[in-house]
Amino acid sequence: MEKLTHLQVYWHDKPSGPIPTTILVASANFTNPSIGFGSIIVIDDALTEGPELDSELIGRAQGSYVLASLGQPPAVIMSMTFAFTAGEYNGSTISIAGRNTVLSAVREMSIAGGTGVFRFARGYVQMRTHFFNFTSGDASVKYDIYVLHY
């Protein structure tokens, strides 16, 4: 029987420091680099139970995003897998994809699938920025995950 699971996790995007979890791997030869259009970023971000980076680590968000907006609002196209490494969902994954208008208070993307406990997954995530440092680019984002699975 299909069931709905609601999870709350915090995603920590950290381009700063000696071991960044977010790396710019390509950028467009564009006349206005300040908007970043065409940039491709690869991530291996921590997923934690709480909003602080030192709270309980429950997995990693691995994937990429592309700065895909020339104008306003700024948007990125994201494709990533939440790989759970602890707790009840250890060894399971949820794949997430969609458009993220990063300055909106609440954003939504779709769940494209999953493995382990989340086989045949479908659903959506809602994201809310908990913390963003404009100087370093470090961010903590709350993900409310609503996933249907068997």
Protein backbone atom coordinates (compact mmCIF):
# COMPACT_ATOMS: atom_id res chain seq x y z
CA MET A 1 0.00 0.00 0.00
CA GLU A 2 1.27 3.46 -0.91
CA LYS A 3 2.01 5.78 2.00
CA LEU A 4 2.91 9.44 2.48
CA THR A 5 6.04 10.27 4.47
CA HIS A 6 6.88 13.82 5.56
CA LEU A 7 10.55 14.49 6.34
CA GLN A 8 12.29 17.69 7.42
CA VAL A 9 15.99 18.03 6.71
CA TYR A 10 18.45 20.90 6.43
CA TRP A 11 20.67 21.24 3.35
CA HIS A 12 24.00 23.04 3.85
CA ASP A 13 25.54 24.59 0.72
CA LYS A 14 29.10 25.65 1.61
CA PRO A 15 31.29 27.17 -1.13
CA SER A 16 33.66 28.72 1.45
CA GLY A 17 36.40 27.34 3.68
CA PRO A 18 39.19 24.80 3.20
CA ILE A 19 36.81 21.97 2.18
CA PRO A 20 33.93 23.46 0.17
CA THR A 21 30.93 21.25 -0.58
CA THR A 22 29.92 23.35 -3.58
CA ILE A 23 32.24 23.81 -6.56
CA LEU A 24 31.86 25.95 -9.70
CA VAL A 25 32.89 23.61 -12.53
CA ALA A 26 31.98 25.71 -15.59
CA SER A 27 30.91 29.23 -16.42
CA ALA A 28 29.76 30.87 -19.62
CA ASN A 29 31.85 33.33 -21.59
CA PHE A 30 29.28 36.05 -20.97
CA THR A 31 29.53 39.82 -20.95
CA ASN A 32 27.99 40.19 -17.48
CA PRO A 33 29.54 37.63 -15.12
CA SER A 34 27.90 39.23 -12.07
CA ILE A 35 24.63 37.37 -12.76
CA GLY A 36 26.38 34.02 -13.24
CA PHE A 37 24.11 32.92 -16.09
CA GLY A 38 25.30 29.61 -17.51
CA SER A 39 27.38 28.62 -14.49
CA ILE A 40 27.34 24.95 -13.48
CA ILE A 41 27.88 24.01 -9.85
CA VAL A 42 28.46 20.50 -8.46
CA ILE A 43 27.44 19.77 -4.87
CA ASP A 44 28.08 17.22 -2.13
CA ASP A 45 26.23 19.05 0.64
CA ALA A 46 25.54 17.87 4.18
CA LEU A 47 21.97 16.98 5.16
CA THR A 48 21.29 17.40 8.87
CA GLU A 49 18.38 17.03 11.27
CA GLY A 50 18.68 20.61 12.50
CA PRO A 51 19.52 23.99 11.00
CA GLU A 52 23.09 24.11 12.32
CA LEU A 53 25.88 22.47 10.33
CA ASP A 54 27.06 20.65 13.46
CA SER A 55 23.66 19.05 14.13
CA GLU A 56 23.13 15.31 13.45
CA LEU A 57 24.36 14.36 9.95
CA ILE A 58 21.76 12.14 8.23
CA GLY A 59 23.01 12.14 4.63
CA ARG A 60 24.40 14.01 1.65
CA ALA A 61 22.79 15.97 -1.19
CA GLN A 62 24.77 15.11 -4.32
CA GLY A 63 24.17 16.57 -7.75
CA SER A 64 24.38 19.84 -9.62
CA TYR A 65 22.64 23.09 -10.37
CA VAL A 66 22.79 25.51 -13.26
CA LEU A 67 22.25 29.27 -13.06
CA ALA A 68 19.57 29.45 -15.72
CA SER A 69 17.95 32.87 -15.40
CA LEU A 70 18.96 36.00 -17.30
CA GLY A 71 16.56 38.21 -15.40
CA GLN A 72 14.41 38.34 -12.32
CA PRO A 73 13.70 36.39 -10.30
CA PRO A 74 17.06 34.63 -10.24
CA ALA A 75 16.59 30.90 -10.70
CA VAL A 76 18.65 27.75 -10.76
CA ILE A 77 17.76 24.40 -12.29
CA MET A 78 18.62 21.70 -9.76
CA SER A 79 19.13 17.95 -10.07
CA MET A 80 20.24 16.15 -6.94
CA THR A 81 19.89 12.99 -4.91
CA PHE A 82 19.44 12.98 -1.16
CA ALA A 83 21.44 9.93 -0.04
CA PHE A 84 20.53 9.01 3.54
CA THR A 85 23.43 7.60 5.59
CA ALA A 86 21.92 7.34 9.08
CA GLY A 87 18.71 6.55 10.87
CA GLU A 88 15.54 4.91 9.61
CA TYR A 89 16.26 5.74 5.95
CA ASN A 90 19.96 4.73 5.92
CA GLY A 91 20.88 3.45 2.44
CA SER A 92 17.81 4.95 0.75
CA THR A 93 17.74 7.88 -1.68
CA ILE A 94 15.30 10.49 -2.98
CA SER A 95 15.95 12.18 -6.35
CA ILE A 96 14.84 15.80 -6.66
CA ALA A 97 14.69 18.01 -9.75
CA GLY A 98 13.27 21.36 -10.77
CA ARG A 99 13.48 25.14 -10.90
CA ASN A 100 14.45 26.96 -7.71
CA THR A 101 13.72 30.71 -7.57
CA VAL A 102 16.24 31.21 -4.80
CA LEU A 103 14.99 34.58 -3.49
CA SER A 104 11.38 33.42 -3.01
CA ALA A 105 10.32 32.73 0.57
CA VAL A 106 9.04 29.24 -0.32
CA ARG A 107 10.13 27.23 -3.35
CA GLU A 108 8.91 23.89 -4.63
CA MET A 109 10.50 21.13 -6.70
CA SER A 110 9.44 17.63 -7.67
CA ILE A 111 10.56 14.24 -6.46
CA ALA A 112 11.55 12.21 -9.51
CA GLY A 113 12.14 8.85 -7.81
CA GLY A 114 14.01 7.02 -5.11
CA THR A 115 15.65 3.81 -3.95
CA GLY A 116 15.49 1.56 -0.89
CA VAL A 117 12.59 2.57 1.34
CA PHE A 118 11.68 5.18 -1.29
CA ARG A 119 11.34 2.90 -4.36
CA PHE A 120 8.69 4.22 -6.75
CA ALA A 121 8.84 7.58 -4.95
CA ARG A 122 6.92 10.58 -6.18
CA GLY A 123 6.01 13.83 -4.52
CA TYR A 124 7.43 17.26 -3.90
CA VAL A 125 9.72 19.28 -1.66
CA GLN A 126 9.24 22.76 -0.27
CA MET A 127 12.36 24.77 0.53
CA ARG A 128 12.79 27.74 2.85
CA THR A 129 16.11 29.49 3.31
CA HIS A 130 17.09 29.37 6.97
CA PHE A 131 20.41 31.20 6.61
CA PHE A 132 22.37 32.82 3.77
CA ASN A 133 25.70 34.65 3.98
CA PHE A 134 25.99 37.07 1.03
CA THR A 135 29.77 37.34 1.47
CA SER A 136 30.72 33.65 1.59
CA GLY A 137 27.72 32.19 -0.24
CA ASP A 138 27.17 29.68 2.58
CA ALA A 139 23.53 28.70 2.99
CA SER A 140 21.30 26.51 5.13
CA VAL A 141 17.94 25.59 3.60
CA LYS A 142 15.07 23.72 5.26
CA TYR A 143 13.58 21.01 3.04
CA ASP A 144 10.08 19.75 3.80
CA ILE A 145 9.85 16.51 1.84
CA TYR A 146 6.44 15.01 1.01
CA VAL A 147 7.06 11.63 -0.58
CA LEU A 148 4.62 8.91 -1.66
CA HIS A 149 6.19 5.44 -1.71
CA TYR A 150 5.45 1.77 -1.00
